């Protein structure tokens, strides 16, 4: 498969390939900046009750053998 695609790409002039790469990198950077400023929010993503709770208030099943205090410590270790 790789030799086929390599031959196919070689048929495209260098300037066109370079321009396409620059355009894709610019679009990727714009999308990353936009996503950082406007994270996924809205109905079905951030409208549920647990989203608004502080981490230490998340209910943990005793069957798992982990207390909420232990999770809080784990959470603080992960976030630094």
N, C-alpha and C. Protein backbone atom coordinates (compact mmCIF):
# COMPACT_ATOMS: atom_id res chain seq x y z
N UNK A 1 0.81 -1.19 0.00
CA UNK A 1 0.00 0.00 0.00
C UNK A 1 0.86 1.26 0.00
N UNK A 2 1.92 1.27 0.79
CA UNK A 2 2.75 2.47 0.91
C UNK A 2 3.36 2.87 -0.43
N UNK A 3 3.92 1.94 -1.22
CA UNK A 3 4.48 2.36 -2.51
C UNK A 3 3.41 2.97 -3.44
N UNK A 4 2.20 2.45 -3.37
CA UNK A 4 1.12 2.99 -4.20
C UNK A 4 0.85 4.45 -3.83
N UNK A 5 0.70 4.71 -2.53
CA UNK A 5 0.43 6.08 -2.09
C UNK A 5 1.63 6.98 -2.31
N UNK A 6 2.83 6.45 -2.19
CA UNK A 6 4.03 7.24 -2.45
C UNK A 6 4.05 7.68 -3.92
N UNK A 7 3.76 6.77 -4.82
CA UNK A 7 3.72 7.12 -6.25
C UNK A 7 2.60 8.12 -6.52
N UNK A 8 1.48 7.95 -5.86
CA UNK A 8 0.36 8.87 -6.04
C UNK A 8 0.72 10.28 -5.56
N UNK A 9 1.38 10.36 -4.41
CA UNK A 9 1.77 11.67 -3.88
C UNK A 9 2.85 12.34 -4.72
N UNK A 10 3.72 11.54 -5.32
CA UNK A 10 4.79 12.11 -6.16
C UNK A 10 4.23 12.76 -7.42
N UNK A 11 3.02 12.38 -7.81
CA UNK A 11 2.39 12.98 -8.99
C UNK A 11 1.90 14.41 -8.71
N UNK A 12 1.71 14.73 -7.44
CA UNK A 12 1.28 16.08 -7.05
C UNK A 12 2.52 16.96 -6.98
N UNK A 13 2.50 18.12 -7.63
CA UNK A 13 3.67 19.02 -7.59
C UNK A 13 4.04 19.41 -6.16
N UNK A 14 5.33 19.63 -5.93
CA UNK A 14 5.84 19.94 -4.60
C UNK A 14 5.15 21.17 -4.02
N UNK A 15 5.00 22.22 -4.79
CA UNK A 15 4.39 23.46 -4.29
C UNK A 15 2.96 23.21 -3.81
N UNK A 16 2.22 22.38 -4.52
CA UNK A 16 0.85 22.08 -4.12
C UNK A 16 0.84 21.27 -2.83
N UNK A 17 1.74 20.30 -2.70
CA UNK A 17 1.83 19.51 -1.47
C UNK A 17 2.20 20.39 -0.29
N UNK A 18 3.17 21.29 -0.52
CA UNK A 18 3.63 22.18 0.54
C UNK A 18 2.49 23.11 0.97
N UNK A 19 1.77 23.67 0.00
CA UNK A 19 0.66 24.57 0.31
C UNK A 19 -0.43 23.82 1.09
N UNK A 20 -0.73 22.60 0.69
CA UNK A 20 -1.74 21.81 1.39
C UNK A 20 -1.31 21.54 2.83
N UNK A 21 -0.05 21.23 3.03
CA UNK A 21 0.45 20.98 4.40
C UNK A 21 0.36 22.23 5.26
N UNK A 22 0.75 23.38 4.69
CA UNK A 22 0.69 24.63 5.45
C UNK A 22 -0.76 24.95 5.82
N UNK A 23 -1.67 24.79 4.88
CA UNK A 23 -3.09 25.06 5.14
C UNK A 23 -3.61 24.14 6.24
N UNK A 24 -3.26 22.86 6.19
CA UNK A 24 -3.73 21.92 7.21
C UNK A 24 -3.16 22.23 8.58
N UNK A 25 -1.89 22.62 8.65
CA UNK A 25 -1.29 22.97 9.94
C UNK A 25 -1.95 24.22 10.51
N UNK A 26 -2.20 25.22 9.65
CA UNK A 26 -2.85 26.44 10.11
C UNK A 26 -4.27 26.13 10.61
N UNK A 27 -5.01 25.31 9.87
CA UNK A 27 -6.36 24.93 10.31
C UNK A 27 -6.33 24.18 11.64
N UNK A 28 -5.35 23.29 11.80
CA UNK A 28 -5.20 22.55 13.05
C UNK A 28 -4.94 23.50 14.21
N UNK A 29 -4.05 24.47 14.02
CA UNK A 29 -3.73 25.44 15.08
C UNK A 29 -4.95 26.29 15.41
N UNK A 30 -5.67 26.74 14.39
CA UNK A 30 -6.89 27.53 14.64
C UNK A 30 -7.91 26.72 15.43
N UNK A 31 -8.07 25.45 15.07
CA UNK A 31 -9.01 24.60 15.78
C UNK A 31 -8.59 24.39 17.23
N UNK A 32 -7.30 24.21 17.46
CA UNK A 32 -6.80 24.02 18.83
C UNK A 32 -7.04 25.27 19.67
N UNK A 33 -6.80 26.45 19.08
CA UNK A 33 -7.02 27.70 19.81
C UNK A 33 -8.50 27.89 20.10
N UNK A 34 -9.34 27.64 19.12
CA UNK A 34 -10.79 27.77 19.31
C UNK A 34 -11.29 26.79 20.38
N UNK A 35 -10.80 25.55 20.32
CA UNK A 35 -11.24 24.54 21.30
C UNK A 35 -10.78 24.88 22.70
N UNK A 36 -9.62 25.50 22.83
CA UNK A 36 -9.14 25.91 24.15
C UNK A 36 -10.03 27.02 24.71
N UNK A 37 -10.44 27.96 23.86
CA UNK A 37 -11.27 29.07 24.30
C UNK A 37 -12.73 28.65 24.50
N UNK A 38 -13.20 27.68 23.73
CA UNK A 38 -14.60 27.24 23.77
C UNK A 38 -14.67 25.72 23.90
N UNK A 39 -14.41 25.20 25.09
CA UNK A 39 -14.43 23.73 25.25
C UNK A 39 -15.83 23.18 25.01
N UNK A 40 -15.90 21.88 24.80
CA UNK A 40 -17.19 21.24 24.56
C UNK A 40 -18.12 21.51 25.73
N UNK A 41 -19.20 22.21 25.45
CA UNK A 41 -20.19 22.53 26.47
C UNK A 41 -21.56 22.46 25.83
N UNK A 42 -22.56 22.31 26.66
CA UNK A 42 -23.92 22.34 26.15
C UNK A 42 -24.74 21.16 26.62
N UNK A 43 -25.91 21.06 26.04
CA UNK A 43 -26.85 20.02 26.44
C UNK A 43 -26.26 18.64 26.19
N UNK A 44 -26.32 17.80 27.22
CA UNK A 44 -25.82 16.45 27.10
C UNK A 44 -24.34 16.31 27.44
N UNK A 45 -23.64 17.42 27.60
CA UNK A 45 -22.21 17.36 27.92
C UNK A 45 -21.95 17.92 29.30
N UNK A 46 -22.43 19.13 29.57
CA UNK A 46 -22.17 19.76 30.86
C UNK A 46 -23.43 20.08 31.64
N UNK A 47 -24.57 19.55 31.24
CA UNK A 47 -25.81 19.89 31.94
C UNK A 47 -26.22 18.86 32.98
N UNK A 48 -25.43 17.85 33.23
CA UNK A 48 -25.80 16.85 34.22
C UNK A 48 -25.31 17.26 35.60
N UNK A 49 -25.96 16.76 36.62
CA UNK A 49 -25.73 17.21 38.00
C UNK A 49 -24.31 16.97 38.49
N UNK A 50 -23.71 15.84 38.16
CA UNK A 50 -22.37 15.51 38.68
C UNK A 50 -21.30 16.44 38.13
N UNK A 51 -21.55 17.07 37.00
CA UNK A 51 -20.55 17.97 36.41
C UNK A 51 -20.28 19.15 37.32
N UNK A 52 -21.31 19.61 38.03
CA UNK A 52 -21.19 20.80 38.87
C UNK A 52 -20.73 20.50 40.29
N UNK A 53 -20.57 19.23 40.64
CA UNK A 53 -20.14 18.87 41.99
C UNK A 53 -18.63 18.96 42.12
N UNK A 54 -18.14 19.41 43.28
CA UNK A 54 -16.70 19.33 43.51
C UNK A 54 -16.26 17.87 43.52
N UNK A 55 -15.02 17.61 43.20
CA UNK A 55 -14.55 16.23 43.08
C UNK A 55 -14.77 15.42 44.34
N UNK A 56 -14.54 16.02 45.51
CA UNK A 56 -14.65 15.26 46.76
C UNK A 56 -16.08 14.89 47.11
N UNK A 57 -17.08 15.42 46.38
CA UNK A 57 -18.47 15.08 46.66
C UNK A 57 -18.97 13.95 45.79
N UNK A 58 -18.15 13.44 44.90
CA UNK A 58 -18.58 12.34 44.05
C UNK A 58 -18.78 11.10 44.91
N UNK A 59 -19.91 10.46 44.74
CA UNK A 59 -20.24 9.29 45.55
C UNK A 59 -19.46 8.08 45.04
N UNK A 60 -18.84 7.37 45.97
CA UNK A 60 -18.06 6.19 45.61
C UNK A 60 -18.68 4.98 46.29
N UNK A 61 -18.82 3.94 45.55
CA UNK A 61 -19.41 2.72 46.09
C UNK A 61 -18.45 2.09 47.08
N UNK A 62 -19.00 1.67 48.20
CA UNK A 62 -18.18 0.99 49.21
C UNK A 62 -17.68 -0.36 48.69
N UNK A 63 -18.39 -0.91 47.71
CA UNK A 63 -17.97 -2.19 47.15
C UNK A 63 -16.62 -2.10 46.46
N UNK A 64 -16.27 -0.92 45.99
CA UNK A 64 -14.97 -0.75 45.33
C UNK A 64 -13.82 -0.72 46.33
N UNK A 65 -14.14 -0.47 47.57
CA UNK A 65 -13.11 -0.45 48.61
C UNK A 65 -12.28 0.83 48.60
N UNK A 66 -12.82 1.89 48.01
CA UNK A 66 -12.11 3.16 47.97
C UNK A 66 -13.01 4.22 48.59
N UNK A 67 -12.45 4.92 49.56
CA UNK A 67 -13.21 5.99 50.21
C UNK A 67 -13.01 7.29 49.43
N UNK A 68 -13.94 8.21 49.59
CA UNK A 68 -13.86 9.47 48.86
C UNK A 68 -12.62 10.26 49.24
N UNK A 69 -12.14 10.13 50.50
CA UNK A 69 -10.93 10.84 50.90
C UNK A 69 -9.72 10.35 50.10
N UNK A 70 -9.67 9.03 49.86
CA UNK A 70 -8.57 8.48 49.08
C UNK A 70 -8.62 9.00 47.65
N UNK A 71 -9.81 9.09 47.09
CA UNK A 71 -9.94 9.62 45.74
C UNK A 71 -9.52 11.08 45.68
N UNK A 72 -9.85 11.82 46.70
CA UNK A 72 -9.45 13.22 46.74
C UNK A 72 -7.93 13.34 46.73
N UNK A 73 -7.26 12.48 47.50
CA UNK A 73 -5.80 12.49 47.51
C UNK A 73 -5.25 12.10 46.15
N UNK A 74 -5.84 11.08 45.53
CA UNK A 74 -5.40 10.68 44.20
C UNK A 74 -5.60 11.83 43.21
N UNK A 75 -6.72 12.49 43.30
CA UNK A 75 -7.04 13.58 42.39
C UNK A 75 -6.03 14.72 42.56
N UNK A 76 -5.70 15.06 43.81
CA UNK A 76 -4.76 16.15 44.04
C UNK A 76 -3.36 15.78 43.59
N UNK A 77 -2.98 14.48 43.67
CA UNK A 77 -1.69 14.04 43.17
C UNK A 77 -1.62 14.15 41.66
N UNK A 78 -2.70 13.83 41.00
CA UNK A 78 -2.71 13.88 39.53
C UNK A 78 -2.62 15.32 39.04
N UNK A 79 -3.36 16.22 39.68
CA UNK A 79 -3.39 17.61 39.24
C UNK A 79 -2.17 18.41 39.71
N UNK A 80 -1.45 17.87 40.63
CA UNK A 80 -0.24 18.54 41.08
C UNK A 80 -0.49 19.37 42.24
